[in-house]
Amino acid sequence: MEQREQRLRAALAQLKQEHRDLDSAIASLEQTVRVDQLQIKRLKKKKLQLKDEIARVEDELFPDIIA
């Protein structure tokens, strides 16, 4: 059980880092003279997918237990 939690925490940290990296990439692209809207759209879609995956992993690590 503890190994599973460690794997989930490591996966969560990696997903959050990827999410931050995409934020930086999107911000950099938006500041360029020739903005590639298609590439920005793809990065934003990937960012949303990462956000969903982060939420899924967090739910596994910290389940909402209704008492």
Protein backbone atom coordinates (compact mmCIF):
# COMPACT_ATOMS: atom_id res chain seq x y z
CA MET A 1 0.00 0.00 0.00
CA GLU A 2 2.81 2.41 0.87
CA GLN A 3 4.62 1.70 -2.43
CA ARG A 4 1.43 2.46 -4.33
CA GLU A 5 1.08 5.78 -2.53
CA GLN A 6 4.70 6.64 -3.27
CA ARG A 7 4.18 5.84 -6.97
CA LEU A 8 1.04 7.98 -7.04
CA ARG A 9 2.84 10.88 -5.33
CA ALA A 10 5.72 10.63 -7.81
CA ALA A 11 3.27 10.52 -10.73
CA LEU A 12 1.42 13.52 -9.30
CA ALA A 13 4.63 15.53 -8.99
CA GLN A 14 5.57 14.69 -12.58
CA LEU A 15 2.12 15.64 -13.90
CA LYS A 16 2.19 18.95 -12.04
CA GLN A 17 5.64 19.70 -13.47
CA GLU A 18 4.44 18.93 -17.00
CA HIS A 19 1.43 21.21 -16.39
CA ARG A 20 3.74 24.07 -15.32
CA ASP A 21 6.01 23.44 -18.31
CA LEU A 22 3.03 23.70 -20.66
CA ASP A 23 2.03 26.96 -19.00
CA SER A 24 5.48 28.35 -19.74
CA ALA A 25 5.47 27.07 -23.32
CA ILE A 26 2.05 28.59 -23.98
CA ALA A 27 3.09 31.94 -22.49
CA SER A 28 6.24 31.97 -24.63
CA LEU A 29 4.32 31.16 -27.80
CA GLU A 30 1.76 33.86 -27.10
CA GLN A 31 4.54 36.45 -26.87
CA THR A 32 6.06 35.65 -30.25
CA VAL A 33 5.49 37.90 -33.24
CA ARG A 34 3.93 35.11 -35.33
CA VAL A 35 1.56 33.38 -32.98
CA ASP A 36 0.83 29.77 -33.96
CA GLN A 37 -2.78 29.46 -32.79
CA LEU A 38 -3.01 25.80 -33.72
CA GLN A 39 0.02 24.89 -31.63
CA ILE A 40 -1.28 26.94 -28.70
CA LYS A 41 -4.65 25.21 -28.99
CA ARG A 42 -2.96 21.79 -28.91
CA LEU A 43 -0.87 22.72 -25.88
CA LYS A 44 -3.92 24.01 -24.04
CA LYS A 45 -5.76 20.76 -24.80
CA LYS A 46 -2.82 18.75 -23.45
CA LYS A 47 -2.77 21.00 -20.38
CA LEU A 48 -6.46 20.25 -19.73
CA GLN A 49 -5.78 16.52 -20.08
CA LEU A 50 -2.98 16.81 -17.54
CA LYS A 51 -5.27 18.72 -15.19
CA ASP A 52 -7.83 15.89 -15.39
CA GLU A 53 -5.12 13.31 -14.73
CA ILE A 54 -3.83 15.33 -11.77
CA ALA A 55 -7.35 15.41 -10.32
CA ARG A 56 -7.71 11.65 -10.80
CA VAL A 57 -4.42 10.92 -9.02
CA GLU A 58 -5.24 13.35 -6.21
CA ASP A 59 -8.61 11.62 -5.74
CA GLU A 60 -6.81 8.30 -5.37
CA LEU A 61 -4.35 9.75 -2.88
CA PHE A 62 -6.86 11.81 -0.91
CA PRO A 63 -10.32 10.24 -1.26
CA ASP A 64 -13.30 12.19 0.00
CA ILE A 65 -14.69 10.05 2.77
CA ILE A 66 -18.21 11.01 3.73
CA ALA A 67 -18.76 10.21 7.39
